[in-house]
Amino acid sequence: MRKRNNKHIKRARRMILAVILMAFILAAGTYAWFIGMKTVNVSSFDVEIAAIDGLSLSLDGVRWSDTVTINKENYASVNESNNTNSWGGSGLYPMSSVGIIDTTASRMILFEKGSFTTTPGGYRIMASQVANTVAGNTEQDGYVVFDLFVKNLSGHEYYKALDVRNEEAIYLTPDSKVTVASNGGVAGTGIENSVRVGFAQIGRVEASCTNLGTK
């Protein structure tokens, strides 16, 4: 009987040690994940956009194609007119948006992470509005923004008056994806799943119009 009890005690001790080890591994993994989220940033970023039938794309409103590519090397030179293209400064930061446009500045209202602190039962993220819509301010660090011109020749009529029934929606298709760069990128971190894309319609003109100053 004593030998059997000793076996049970030894088995219980091994199970306790295994549970403690598993708990330590889980805690370390969770801690590393949140530390990574606090310090994440992206410094290299390329964008390639392809159009579907009936649509043409342009980065300057002059040269049209079914595919356009913009990156850190060419974002400032692809459009020689009055553009506000920006490539995020020192890199991409954790940001969010509710999809509202500041009509006075023609820019999307964005919020950036202000602090990330531990609280009982979890974490608390504090955010503040990005000062990109303040009069006189340029685009800020932390996000990529550029002009994209879309020519739609699939319709039968150009509607001058704005009407929600005639809106031409721009959206990502299921084929759209974000991938980690093969040269210098670190795959398997999940960073590609955190990228967000938003479209803001600033103005529209009839396809036959050639005056870039017309909205």
N, C-alpha and C. Protein backbone atom coordinates (compact mmCIF):
# COMPACT_ATOMS: atom_id res chain seq x y z
N MET A 1 0.83 -1.21 0.00
CA MET A 1 0.00 0.00 0.00
C MET A 1 0.87 1.26 0.00
N ARG A 2 1.99 1.20 0.80
CA ARG A 2 2.86 2.36 0.88
C ARG A 2 3.53 2.64 -0.46
N LYS A 3 3.95 1.56 -1.17
CA LYS A 3 4.58 1.74 -2.48
C LYS A 3 3.61 2.36 -3.47
N ARG A 4 2.34 1.93 -3.40
CA ARG A 4 1.35 2.49 -4.32
C ARG A 4 1.14 3.97 -4.05
N ASN A 5 1.09 4.32 -2.73
CA ASN A 5 0.93 5.73 -2.37
C ASN A 5 2.12 6.56 -2.84
N ASN A 6 3.32 5.99 -2.73
CA ASN A 6 4.52 6.71 -3.19
C ASN A 6 4.46 6.95 -4.69
N LYS A 7 3.97 5.94 -5.43
CA LYS A 7 3.84 6.11 -6.87
C LYS A 7 2.86 7.23 -7.20
N HIS A 8 1.74 7.30 -6.48
CA HIS A 8 0.74 8.35 -6.70
C HIS A 8 1.33 9.73 -6.39
N ILE A 9 2.12 9.79 -5.32
CA ILE A 9 2.72 11.07 -4.93
C ILE A 9 3.70 11.54 -5.98
N LYS A 10 4.55 10.60 -6.47
CA LYS A 10 5.52 10.96 -7.50
C LYS A 10 4.81 11.40 -8.77
N ARG A 11 3.73 10.69 -9.14
CA ARG A 11 2.98 11.03 -10.33
C ARG A 11 2.34 12.41 -10.19
N ALA A 12 1.80 12.70 -9.00
CA ALA A 12 1.18 14.00 -8.75
C ALA A 12 2.21 15.12 -8.84
N ARG A 13 3.43 14.85 -8.30
CA ARG A 13 4.48 15.86 -8.37
C ARG A 13 4.87 16.15 -9.81
N ARG A 14 4.99 15.10 -10.64
CA ARG A 14 5.34 15.30 -12.03
C ARG A 14 4.27 16.10 -12.77
N MET A 15 2.99 15.81 -12.46
CA MET A 15 1.90 16.55 -13.09
C MET A 15 1.91 18.01 -12.68
N ILE A 16 2.21 18.27 -11.40
CA ILE A 16 2.27 19.65 -10.92
C ILE A 16 3.39 20.41 -11.62
N LEU A 17 4.56 19.77 -11.74
CA LEU A 17 5.68 20.41 -12.42
C LEU A 17 5.35 20.69 -13.88
N ALA A 18 4.65 19.73 -14.54
CA ALA A 18 4.27 19.93 -15.94
C ALA A 18 3.31 21.10 -16.08
N VAL A 19 2.32 21.21 -15.16
CA VAL A 19 1.37 22.32 -15.21
C VAL A 19 2.07 23.65 -15.00
N ILE A 20 3.02 23.69 -14.05
CA ILE A 20 3.77 24.92 -13.78
C ILE A 20 4.57 25.33 -15.01
N LEU A 21 5.22 24.34 -15.65
CA LEU A 21 6.01 24.63 -16.86
C LEU A 21 5.12 25.15 -17.98
N MET A 22 3.93 24.52 -18.18
CA MET A 22 3.01 24.98 -19.22
C MET A 22 2.52 26.39 -18.93
N ALA A 23 2.25 26.69 -17.66
CA ALA A 23 1.78 28.03 -17.30
C ALA A 23 2.86 29.06 -17.57
N PHE A 24 4.11 28.72 -17.32
CA PHE A 24 5.22 29.63 -17.57
C PHE A 24 5.36 29.91 -19.06
N ILE A 25 5.26 28.84 -19.87
CA ILE A 25 5.38 29.00 -21.31
C ILE A 25 4.26 29.88 -21.84
N LEU A 26 3.03 29.67 -21.39
CA LEU A 26 1.89 30.47 -21.82
C LEU A 26 2.08 31.93 -21.44
N ALA A 27 2.51 32.17 -20.20
CA ALA A 27 2.72 33.54 -19.75
C ALA A 27 3.80 34.23 -20.56
N ALA A 28 4.87 33.54 -20.86
CA ALA A 28 5.96 34.12 -21.63
C ALA A 28 5.50 34.45 -23.05
N GLY A 29 4.70 33.55 -23.66
CA GLY A 29 4.19 33.80 -25.00
C GLY A 29 3.26 35.00 -25.04
N THR A 30 2.36 35.13 -24.07
CA THR A 30 1.44 36.26 -24.02
C THR A 30 2.20 37.56 -23.80
N TYR A 31 3.17 37.54 -22.94
CA TYR A 31 3.96 38.74 -22.66
C TYR A 31 4.71 39.18 -23.90
N ALA A 32 5.33 38.23 -24.60
CA ALA A 32 6.08 38.57 -25.80
C ALA A 32 5.16 39.15 -26.88
N TRP A 33 3.94 38.63 -26.98
CA TRP A 33 2.98 39.12 -27.98
C TRP A 33 2.64 40.58 -27.73
N PHE A 34 2.33 40.92 -26.46
CA PHE A 34 1.95 42.30 -26.18
C PHE A 34 3.14 43.24 -26.24
N ILE A 35 4.32 42.76 -25.88
CA ILE A 35 5.51 43.60 -26.03
C ILE A 35 5.73 43.88 -27.51
N GLY A 36 5.56 42.87 -28.34
CA GLY A 36 5.70 43.07 -29.78
C GLY A 36 4.70 44.08 -30.31
N MET A 37 3.44 44.03 -29.81
CA MET A 37 2.43 44.96 -30.28
C MET A 37 2.77 46.39 -29.86
N LYS A 38 3.47 46.55 -28.74
CA LYS A 38 3.81 47.89 -28.28
C LYS A 38 4.91 48.52 -29.12
N THR A 39 5.77 47.70 -29.69
CA THR A 39 6.93 48.24 -30.39
C THR A 39 6.87 48.04 -31.90
N VAL A 40 5.75 47.52 -32.41
CA VAL A 40 5.69 47.20 -33.84
C VAL A 40 5.76 48.45 -34.71
N ASN A 41 6.49 48.35 -35.82
CA ASN A 41 6.49 49.40 -36.82
C ASN A 41 6.93 48.80 -38.14
N VAL A 42 6.58 49.47 -39.22
CA VAL A 42 6.92 49.00 -40.56
C VAL A 42 7.69 50.11 -41.26
N SER A 43 8.87 49.81 -41.77
CA SER A 43 9.69 50.83 -42.41
C SER A 43 9.69 50.71 -43.93
N SER A 44 9.49 49.51 -44.46
CA SER A 44 9.48 49.30 -45.90
C SER A 44 8.07 48.96 -46.36
N PHE A 45 7.62 49.65 -47.42
CA PHE A 45 6.22 49.50 -47.80
C PHE A 45 6.05 49.80 -49.27
N ASP A 46 5.54 48.84 -50.05
CA ASP A 46 5.24 49.04 -51.47
C ASP A 46 3.76 48.76 -51.70
N VAL A 47 3.15 49.51 -52.61
CA VAL A 47 1.73 49.33 -52.91
C VAL A 47 1.57 49.09 -54.41
N GLU A 48 0.88 48.03 -54.78
CA GLU A 48 0.55 47.76 -56.17
C GLU A 48 -0.96 47.59 -56.28
N ILE A 49 -1.58 48.35 -57.19
CA ILE A 49 -3.04 48.35 -57.33
C ILE A 49 -3.39 47.98 -58.76
N ALA A 50 -4.32 47.06 -58.92
CA ALA A 50 -4.77 46.63 -60.25
C ALA A 50 -6.26 46.92 -60.39
N ALA A 51 -6.66 47.38 -61.58
CA ALA A 51 -8.05 47.72 -61.84
C ALA A 51 -8.77 46.56 -62.52
N ILE A 52 -10.09 46.57 -62.45
CA ILE A 52 -10.91 45.58 -63.14
C ILE A 52 -11.38 46.17 -64.45
N ASP A 53 -12.16 45.40 -65.21
CA ASP A 53 -12.63 45.85 -66.52
C ASP A 53 -13.42 47.15 -66.41
N GLY A 54 -13.14 48.07 -67.34
CA GLY A 54 -13.86 49.34 -67.38
C GLY A 54 -13.24 50.42 -66.54
N LEU A 55 -12.18 50.12 -65.79
CA LEU A 55 -11.53 51.10 -64.94
C LEU A 55 -10.07 51.28 -65.34
N SER A 56 -9.59 52.51 -65.22
CA SER A 56 -8.18 52.82 -65.42
C SER A 56 -7.67 53.57 -64.19
N LEU A 57 -6.40 53.37 -63.88
CA LEU A 57 -5.82 53.97 -62.69
C LEU A 57 -4.69 54.91 -63.06
N SER A 58 -4.48 55.92 -62.22
CA SER A 58 -3.40 56.86 -62.43
C SER A 58 -2.97 57.44 -61.09
N LEU A 59 -1.70 57.79 -60.99
CA LEU A 59 -1.18 58.44 -59.79
C LEU A 59 -1.04 59.94 -59.96
N ASP A 60 -1.25 60.44 -61.21
CA ASP A 60 -1.14 61.87 -61.46
C ASP A 60 -2.30 62.45 -62.26
N GLY A 61 -3.25 61.61 -62.69
CA GLY A 61 -4.38 62.10 -63.47
C GLY A 61 -4.07 62.33 -64.92
N VAL A 62 -2.85 61.97 -65.36
CA VAL A 62 -2.44 62.18 -66.75
C VAL A 62 -2.11 60.86 -67.42
N ARG A 63 -1.27 60.07 -66.78
CA ARG A 63 -0.86 58.78 -67.34
C ARG A 63 -1.72 57.68 -66.73
N TRP A 64 -2.40 56.94 -67.61
CA TRP A 64 -3.38 55.95 -67.16
C TRP A 64 -2.92 54.53 -67.50
N SER A 65 -3.27 53.58 -66.62
CA SER A 65 -2.90 52.19 -66.83
C SER A 65 -3.86 51.31 -66.03
N ASP A 66 -3.78 49.99 -66.23
CA ASP A 66 -4.61 49.08 -65.45
C ASP A 66 -3.91 48.65 -64.17
N THR A 67 -2.65 49.05 -63.99
CA THR A 67 -1.89 48.74 -62.78
C THR A 67 -0.97 49.90 -62.43
N VAL A 68 -0.92 50.27 -61.16
CA VAL A 68 0.01 51.32 -60.71
C VAL A 68 0.78 50.80 -59.51
N THR A 69 2.01 51.26 -59.38
CA THR A 69 2.87 50.87 -58.26
C THR A 69 3.47 52.12 -57.64
N ILE A 70 3.38 52.22 -56.32
CA ILE A 70 3.95 53.37 -55.62
C ILE A 70 4.71 52.86 -54.41
N ASN A 71 5.84 53.51 -54.12
CA ASN A 71 6.67 53.08 -53.00
C ASN A 71 7.44 54.28 -52.44
N LYS A 72 8.33 54.01 -51.51
CA LYS A 72 9.07 55.08 -50.84
C LYS A 72 9.98 55.82 -51.79
N GLU A 73 10.44 55.13 -52.84
CA GLU A 73 11.38 55.75 -53.77
C GLU A 73 10.69 56.69 -54.77
N ASN A 74 9.42 56.44 -55.12
CA ASN A 74 8.81 57.24 -56.19
C ASN A 74 7.59 58.05 -55.75
N TYR A 75 7.17 57.95 -54.47
CA TYR A 75 5.92 58.59 -54.05
C TYR A 75 5.94 60.11 -54.24
N ALA A 76 7.10 60.72 -54.13
CA ALA A 76 7.17 62.18 -54.23
C ALA A 76 7.25 62.66 -55.66
N SER A 77 7.55 61.78 -56.61
CA SER A 77 7.76 62.21 -57.99
C SER A 77 6.70 61.69 -58.96
N VAL A 78 5.82 60.78 -58.53
CA VAL A 78 4.82 60.23 -59.46
C VAL A 78 3.76 61.26 -59.82
N ASN A 79 3.59 62.27 -58.99
CA ASN A 79 2.60 63.31 -59.24
C ASN A 79 3.27 64.66 -59.08
N GLU A 80 3.42 65.40 -60.18
CA GLU A 80 4.12 66.68 -60.14
C GLU A 80 3.19 67.85 -59.85
N SER A 81 1.89 67.57 -59.73
CA SER A 81 0.94 68.64 -59.41
C SER A 81 0.89 68.83 -57.89
N ASN A 82 -0.10 69.54 -57.41
CA ASN A 82 -0.19 69.87 -55.99
C ASN A 82 -0.75 68.67 -55.22
N ASN A 83 0.12 67.73 -54.84
CA ASN A 83 -0.33 66.56 -54.10
C ASN A 83 0.20 66.60 -52.67
N THR A 84 -0.36 65.76 -51.83
CA THR A 84 0.09 65.67 -50.43
C THR A 84 0.53 64.24 -50.12
N ASN A 85 1.15 63.59 -51.08
CA ASN A 85 1.63 62.23 -50.85
C ASN A 85 2.60 62.20 -49.69
N SER A 86 2.48 61.17 -48.84
CA SER A 86 3.37 61.02 -47.70
C SER A 86 3.62 59.53 -47.48
N TRP A 87 4.84 59.19 -47.08
CA TRP A 87 5.20 57.79 -46.90
C TRP A 87 5.48 57.44 -45.45
N GLY A 88 4.78 58.09 -44.55
CA GLY A 88 4.81 57.69 -43.15
C GLY A 88 5.97 58.17 -42.33
N GLY A 89 6.88 58.95 -42.92
CA GLY A 89 8.02 59.42 -42.14
C GLY A 89 8.95 58.29 -41.74
N SER A 90 9.05 58.02 -40.44
CA SER A 90 9.96 57.00 -39.94
C SER A 90 9.37 55.60 -39.96
N GLY A 91 8.11 55.45 -40.37
CA GLY A 91 7.50 54.13 -40.44
C GLY A 91 6.03 54.16 -40.06
N LEU A 92 5.34 53.01 -40.20
CA LEU A 92 3.94 52.93 -39.84
C LEU A 92 3.78 52.74 -38.34
N TYR A 93 2.77 53.42 -37.76
CA TYR A 93 2.48 53.30 -36.34
C TYR A 93 1.10 52.67 -36.16
N PRO A 94 0.81 52.11 -34.98
CA PRO A 94 -0.54 51.63 -34.71
C PRO A 94 -1.54 52.79 -34.75
N MET A 95 -2.52 52.71 -35.65
CA MET A 95 -3.50 53.77 -35.81
C MET A 95 -4.88 53.18 -36.05
N SER A 96 -5.89 54.05 -35.96
CA SER A 96 -7.26 53.62 -36.19
C SER A 96 -8.05 54.78 -36.76
N SER A 97 -9.23 54.46 -37.31
CA SER A 97 -10.10 55.48 -37.88
C SER A 97 -11.55 54.99 -37.80
N VAL A 98 -12.47 55.93 -37.73
CA VAL A 98 -13.89 55.59 -37.75
C VAL A 98 -14.49 55.87 -39.12
N GLY A 99 -13.62 56.17 -40.11
CA GLY A 99 -14.09 56.36 -41.47
C GLY A 99 -14.68 57.72 -41.76
N ILE A 100 -14.41 58.72 -40.90
CA ILE A 100 -14.96 60.06 -41.10
C ILE A 100 -13.91 60.95 -41.77
N ILE A 101 -14.36 61.75 -42.73
CA ILE A 101 -13.49 62.68 -43.45
C ILE A 101 -13.69 64.09 -42.92
N ASP A 102 -12.59 64.79 -42.65
CA ASP A 102 -12.67 66.21 -42.32
C ASP A 102 -12.79 66.97 -43.64
N THR A 103 -13.98 67.49 -43.93
CA THR A 103 -14.24 68.11 -45.22
C THR A 103 -13.49 69.42 -45.41
N THR A 104 -13.11 70.08 -44.31
CA THR A 104 -12.38 71.35 -44.44
C THR A 104 -10.93 71.12 -44.89
N ALA A 105 -10.39 69.95 -44.53
CA ALA A 105 -9.01 69.63 -44.90
C ALA A 105 -8.92 68.55 -45.95
N SER A 106 -10.07 67.93 -46.30
CA SER A 106 -10.13 66.82 -47.26
C SER A 106 -9.19 65.69 -46.84
N ARG A 107 -9.19 65.37 -45.56
CA ARG A 107 -8.33 64.31 -45.05
C ARG A 107 -9.12 63.43 -44.08
N MET A 108 -8.72 62.18 -44.01
CA MET A 108 -9.36 61.24 -43.10
C MET A 108 -8.92 61.52 -41.66
N ILE A 109 -9.88 61.49 -40.75
CA ILE A 109 -9.58 61.69 -39.33
C ILE A 109 -9.00 60.39 -38.77
N LEU A 110 -7.79 60.48 -38.22
CA LEU A 110 -7.08 59.31 -37.72
C LEU A 110 -6.77 59.48 -36.24
N PHE A 111 -6.57 58.35 -35.56
CA PHE A 111 -6.20 58.34 -34.15
C PHE A 111 -4.99 57.43 -33.98
N GLU A 112 -4.01 57.89 -33.23
CA GLU A 112 -2.81 57.10 -33.01
C GLU A 112 -2.68 56.70 -31.55
N LYS A 113 -1.93 55.62 -31.33
CA LYS A 113 -1.73 55.12 -29.97
C LYS A 113 -0.95 56.13 -29.15
N GLY A 114 -1.53 56.53 -27.99
CA GLY A 114 -0.84 57.44 -27.10
C GLY A 114 -0.08 56.72 -26.02
N SER A 115 -0.67 55.66 -25.47
CA SER A 115 -0.01 54.88 -24.42
C SER A 115 -0.59 53.48 -24.40
N PHE A 116 0.16 52.58 -23.81
CA PHE A 116 -0.24 51.17 -23.72
C PHE A 116 0.20 50.69 -22.34
N THR A 117 -0.75 50.61 -21.40
CA THR A 117 -0.39 50.30 -20.02
C THR A 117 -1.13 49.06 -19.52
N THR A 118 -0.52 48.40 -18.53
CA THR A 118 -1.13 47.22 -17.92
C THR A 118 -2.16 47.65 -16.89
N THR A 119 -3.32 47.03 -16.91
CA THR A 119 -4.37 47.29 -15.93
C THR A 119 -4.87 45.96 -15.38
N PRO A 120 -5.55 45.95 -14.24
CA PRO A 120 -6.07 44.70 -13.70
C PRO A 120 -6.99 44.00 -14.71
N GLY A 121 -6.60 42.81 -15.11
CA GLY A 121 -7.41 42.04 -16.03
C GLY A 121 -7.10 42.26 -17.49
N GLY A 122 -6.10 43.07 -17.80
CA GLY A 122 -5.80 43.27 -19.22
C GLY A 122 -4.88 44.45 -19.46
N TYR A 123 -5.12 45.13 -20.58
CA TYR A 123 -4.29 46.26 -20.98
C TYR A 123 -5.21 47.42 -21.40
N ARG A 124 -4.68 48.62 -21.27
CA ARG A 124 -5.44 49.81 -21.64
C ARG A 124 -4.67 50.59 -22.71
N ILE A 125 -5.35 50.87 -23.81
CA ILE A 125 -4.75 51.63 -24.90
C ILE A 125 -5.40 53.02 -24.93
N MET A 126 -4.58 54.04 -24.84
CA MET A 126 -5.06 55.41 -24.94
C MET A 126 -4.67 55.96 -26.30
N ALA A 127 -5.61 56.65 -26.96
CA ALA A 127 -5.37 57.17 -28.30
C ALA A 127 -5.63 58.67 -28.35
N SER A 128 -4.97 59.33 -29.28
CA SER A 128 -5.17 60.76 -29.49
C SER A 128 -5.30 61.02 -30.98
N GLN A 129 -6.01 62.09 -31.35
CA GLN A 129 -6.23 62.38 -32.77
C GLN A 129 -4.96 62.90 -33.42
N VAL A 130 -4.68 62.40 -34.61
CA VAL A 130 -3.51 62.84 -35.37
C VAL A 130 -3.78 64.26 -35.90
N ALA A 131 -2.79 65.11 -35.79
CA ALA A 131 -2.96 66.52 -36.16
C ALA A 131 -2.77 66.74 -37.66
N ASN A 132 -3.39 65.89 -38.48
CA ASN A 132 -3.25 66.06 -39.93
C ASN A 132 -4.35 66.93 -40.52
N THR A 133 -5.39 67.21 -39.75
CA THR A 133 -6.49 68.02 -40.27
C THR A 133 -6.43 69.46 -39.79
N VAL A 134 -5.44 69.79 -38.98
CA VAL A 134 -5.29 71.16 -38.49
C VAL A 134 -4.81 72.05 -39.64
N ALA A 135 -5.40 73.23 -39.75
CA ALA A 135 -5.06 74.15 -40.85
C ALA A 135 -3.57 74.43 -40.87
N GLY A 136 -2.96 74.26 -42.04
CA GLY A 136 -1.54 74.53 -42.20
C GLY A 136 -0.64 73.35 -41.94
N ASN A 137 -1.15 72.31 -41.30
CA ASN A 137 -0.34 71.12 -41.01
C ASN A 137 -0.22 70.21 -42.23
N THR A 138 0.92 69.61 -42.39
CA THR A 138 1.12 68.64 -43.45
C THR A 138 0.73 67.26 -42.95
N GLU A 139 0.84 66.25 -43.82
CA GLU A 139 0.58 64.89 -43.39
C GLU A 139 1.60 64.50 -42.31
N GLN A 140 1.16 63.70 -41.36
CA GLN A 140 1.99 63.34 -40.21
C GLN A 140 2.68 61.99 -40.41
N ASP A 141 3.58 61.66 -39.49
CA ASP A 141 4.26 60.37 -39.52
C ASP A 141 3.29 59.27 -39.12
N GLY A 142 3.62 58.03 -39.53
CA GLY A 142 2.88 56.87 -39.02
C GLY A 142 1.94 56.22 -40.00
N TYR A 143 1.69 56.84 -41.16
CA TYR A 143 0.77 56.25 -42.13
C TYR A 143 1.16 56.68 -43.53
N VAL A 144 0.72 55.91 -44.50
CA VAL A 144 0.99 56.19 -45.91
C VAL A 144 -0.27 56.76 -46.55
N VAL A 145 -0.12 57.81 -47.33
CA VAL A 145 -1.27 58.39 -48.03
C VAL A 145 -0.80 58.90 -49.39
N PHE A 146 -1.62 58.69 -50.42
CA PHE A 146 -1.26 59.16 -51.75
C PHE A 146 -2.52 59.34 -52.58
N ASP A 147 -2.41 60.18 -53.62
CA ASP A 147 -3.52 60.43 -54.54
C ASP A 147 -3.65 59.25 -55.50
N LEU A 148 -4.87 58.82 -55.71
CA LEU A 148 -5.16 57.76 -56.68
C LEU A 148 -6.34 58.22 -57.53
N PHE A 149 -6.13 58.32 -58.84
CA PHE A 149 -7.17 58.73 -59.76
C PHE A 149 -7.75 57.49 -60.42
N VAL A 150 -9.08 57.42 -60.46
CA VAL A 150 -9.77 56.27 -61.04
C VAL A 150 -10.68 56.76 -62.16
N LYS A 151 -10.48 56.22 -63.35
CA LYS A 151 -11.33 56.58 -64.50
C LYS A 151 -12.30 55.42 -64.74
N ASN A 152 -13.58 55.73 -64.63
CA ASN A 152 -14.63 54.72 -64.78
C ASN A 152 -15.37 54.94 -66.09
N LEU A 153 -15.18 54.03 -67.04
CA LEU A 153 -15.85 54.11 -68.34
C LEU A 153 -16.91 53.03 -68.50
N SER A 154 -17.31 52.43 -67.38
CA SER A 154 -18.28 51.35 -67.45
C SER A 154 -19.72 51.85 -67.39
N GLY A 155 -19.91 53.12 -66.99
CA GLY A 155 -21.27 53.65 -66.86
C GLY A 155 -21.78 54.21 -68.17
N HIS A 156 -23.03 54.63 -68.16
CA HIS A 156 -23.67 55.16 -69.36
C HIS A 156 -23.89 56.67 -69.27
N GLU A 157 -23.72 57.24 -68.08
CA GLU A 157 -24.01 58.66 -67.90
C GLU A 157 -23.20 59.20 -66.73
N TYR A 158 -22.79 60.47 -66.82
CA TYR A 158 -22.09 61.13 -65.73
C TYR A 158 -23.08 61.98 -64.95
N TYR A 159 -23.22 61.70 -63.67
CA TYR A 159 -24.16 62.42 -62.82
C TYR A 159 -23.42 63.54 -62.10
N LYS A 160 -23.78 64.79 -62.40
CA LYS A 160 -23.12 65.93 -61.78
C LYS A 160 -23.51 66.09 -60.32
N ALA A 161 -24.78 65.91 -60.02
CA ALA A 161 -25.25 66.08 -58.65
C ALA A 161 -24.90 64.84 -57.81
N LEU A 162 -24.45 65.07 -56.57
CA LEU A 162 -24.14 63.97 -55.68
C LEU A 162 -25.42 63.29 -55.22
N ASP A 163 -25.48 62.00 -55.35
CA ASP A 163 -26.64 61.22 -54.95
C ASP A 163 -26.14 59.85 -54.51
N VAL A 164 -26.56 59.42 -53.32
CA VAL A 164 -26.08 58.13 -52.80
C VAL A 164 -26.46 56.98 -53.72
N ARG A 165 -27.52 57.16 -54.50
CA ARG A 165 -27.93 56.09 -55.42
C ARG A 165 -26.99 55.96 -56.61
N ASN A 166 -26.18 57.00 -56.84
CA ASN A 166 -25.26 56.98 -57.97
C ASN A 166 -23.80 56.91 -57.53
N GLU A 167 -23.55 56.69 -56.25
CA GLU A 167 -22.19 56.66 -55.76
C GLU A 167 -21.40 55.49 -56.36
N GLU A 168 -20.16 55.77 -56.68
CA GLU A 168 -19.26 54.76 -57.22
C GLU A 168 -18.33 54.29 -56.10
N ALA A 169 -18.66 53.17 -55.52
CA ALA A 169 -17.91 52.69 -54.36
C ALA A 169 -16.55 52.15 -54.77
N ILE A 170 -15.54 52.43 -53.96
CA ILE A 170 -14.20 51.88 -54.14
C ILE A 170 -13.91 50.98 -52.95
N TYR A 171 -13.55 49.75 -53.23
CA TYR A 171 -13.33 48.80 -52.14
C TYR A 171 -12.31 47.75 -52.56
N LEU A 172 -11.80 47.03 -51.58
CA LEU A 172 -10.84 45.95 -51.84
C LEU A 172 -11.59 44.68 -52.20
N THR A 173 -11.06 43.93 -53.13
CA THR A 173 -11.65 42.66 -53.52
C THR A 173 -11.07 41.53 -52.68
N PRO A 174 -11.69 40.35 -52.70
CA PRO A 174 -11.14 39.21 -51.93
C PRO A 174 -9.73 38.82 -52.38
N ASP A 175 -9.32 39.24 -53.58
CA ASP A 175 -7.97 38.92 -54.06
C ASP A 175 -6.92 39.85 -53.47
N SER A 176 -7.35 40.93 -52.83
CA SER A 176 -6.40 41.88 -52.26
C SER A 176 -5.68 41.25 -51.07
N LYS A 177 -4.41 41.54 -50.94
CA LYS A 177 -3.64 40.95 -49.83
C LYS A 177 -2.41 41.78 -49.52
N VAL A 178 -1.94 41.62 -48.30
CA VAL A 178 -0.70 42.23 -47.85
C VAL A 178 0.29 41.11 -47.57
N THR A 179 1.49 41.21 -48.11
CA THR A 179 2.49 40.17 -47.92
C THR A 179 3.78 40.77 -47.35
N VAL A 180 4.56 39.93 -46.71
CA VAL A 180 5.84 40.35 -46.16
C VAL A 180 6.89 40.34 -47.28
N ALA A 181 7.69 41.37 -47.35
CA ALA A 181 8.71 41.46 -48.40
C ALA A 181 9.67 40.28 -48.32
N SER A 182 10.01 39.74 -49.48
CA SER A 182 10.92 38.58 -49.53
C SER A 182 12.35 38.97 -49.21
N ASN A 183 12.71 40.24 -49.46
CA ASN A 183 14.07 40.70 -49.15
C ASN A 183 14.07 41.56 -47.89
N GLY A 184 14.45 40.95 -46.79
CA GLY A 184 14.55 41.69 -45.53
C GLY A 184 13.35 41.55 -44.63
N GLY A 185 12.21 41.03 -45.12
CA GLY A 185 11.03 40.87 -44.28
C GLY A 185 11.10 39.62 -43.43
N VAL A 186 10.42 39.65 -42.29
CA VAL A 186 10.37 38.51 -41.38
C VAL A 186 8.98 37.90 -41.45
N ALA A 187 8.87 36.75 -42.08
CA ALA A 187 7.57 36.09 -42.22
C ALA A 187 7.16 35.39 -40.94
N GLY A 188 5.84 35.14 -40.82
CA GLY A 188 5.33 34.38 -39.68
C GLY A 188 5.03 35.19 -38.45
N THR A 189 5.17 36.52 -38.50
CA THR A 189 4.89 37.34 -37.33
C THR A 189 3.43 37.79 -37.28
N GLY A 190 2.73 37.71 -38.41
CA GLY A 190 1.34 38.16 -38.46
C GLY A 190 1.18 39.64 -38.70
N ILE A 191 2.28 40.37 -38.91
CA ILE A 191 2.20 41.81 -39.10
C ILE A 191 1.37 42.17 -40.32
N GLU A 192 1.38 41.29 -41.34
CA GLU A 192 0.62 41.60 -42.56
C GLU A 192 -0.88 41.63 -42.30
N ASN A 193 -1.33 41.00 -41.21
CA ASN A 193 -2.77 40.98 -40.90
C ASN A 193 -3.23 42.26 -40.20
N SER A 194 -2.32 43.13 -39.83
CA SER A 194 -2.70 44.33 -39.08
C SER A 194 -2.78 45.57 -39.96
N VAL A 195 -2.45 45.45 -41.26
CA VAL A 195 -2.48 46.61 -42.15
C VAL A 195 -3.93 46.95 -42.51
N ARG A 196 -4.28 48.22 -42.46
CA ARG A 196 -5.62 48.68 -42.80
C ARG A 196 -5.55 49.68 -43.95
N VAL A 197 -6.55 49.63 -44.84
CA VAL A 197 -6.58 50.50 -46.02
C VAL A 197 -7.90 51.25 -46.03
N GLY A 198 -7.85 52.54 -46.30
CA GLY A 198 -9.06 53.35 -46.39
C GLY A 198 -9.04 54.22 -47.63
N PHE A 199 -10.22 54.46 -48.22
CA PHE A 199 -10.34 55.32 -49.40
C PHE A 199 -11.18 56.54 -49.03
N ALA A 200 -10.72 57.71 -49.44
CA ALA A 200 -11.46 58.95 -49.22
C ALA A 200 -11.68 59.62 -50.56
N GLN A 201 -12.94 59.76 -50.96
CA GLN A 201 -13.24 60.42 -52.25
C GLN A 201 -13.18 61.92 -52.05
N ILE A 202 -12.22 62.55 -52.72
CA ILE A 202 -12.01 63.99 -52.58
C ILE A 202 -12.79 64.78 -53.62
N GLY A 203 -12.93 64.25 -54.81
CA GLY A 203 -13.66 64.95 -55.85
C GLY A 203 -13.83 64.06 -57.06
N ARG A 204 -14.64 64.52 -58.02
CA ARG A 204 -14.85 63.73 -59.24
C ARG A 204 -15.21 64.68 -60.39
N VAL A 205 -14.83 64.30 -61.57
CA VAL A 205 -15.11 65.09 -62.77
C VAL A 205 -15.49 64.13 -63.89
N GLU A 206 -16.01 64.68 -64.98
CA GLU A 206 -16.33 63.86 -66.14
C GLU A 206 -15.05 63.35 -66.79
N ALA A 207 -15.10 62.14 -67.34
CA ALA A 207 -13.90 61.49 -67.86
C ALA A 207 -13.24 62.29 -68.97
N SER A 208 -14.00 63.09 -69.70
CA SER A 208 -13.43 63.86 -70.80
C SER A 208 -12.69 65.12 -70.33
N CYS A 209 -12.80 65.45 -69.05
CA CYS A 209 -12.16 66.66 -68.51
C CYS A 209 -10.64 66.48 -68.45
N THR A 210 -9.87 67.44 -68.91
CA THR A 210 -8.41 67.37 -68.89
C THR A 210 -7.77 68.38 -67.95
N ASN A 211 -8.58 69.21 -67.30
CA ASN A 211 -8.07 70.21 -66.38
C ASN A 211 -7.89 69.59 -65.00
N LEU A 212 -6.63 69.42 -64.56
CA LEU A 212 -6.36 68.75 -63.31
C LEU A 212 -6.82 69.57 -62.10
N GLY A 213 -7.07 70.85 -62.29
CA GLY A 213 -7.53 71.68 -61.18
C GLY A 213 -9.02 71.59 -60.92
N THR A 214 -9.76 70.91 -61.80
CA THR A 214 -11.21 70.76 -61.64
C THR A 214 -11.52 69.63 -60.69
N LYS A 215 -12.47 69.85 -59.78
CA LYS A 215 -12.87 68.80 -58.83
C LYS A 215 -14.32 68.43 -59.05
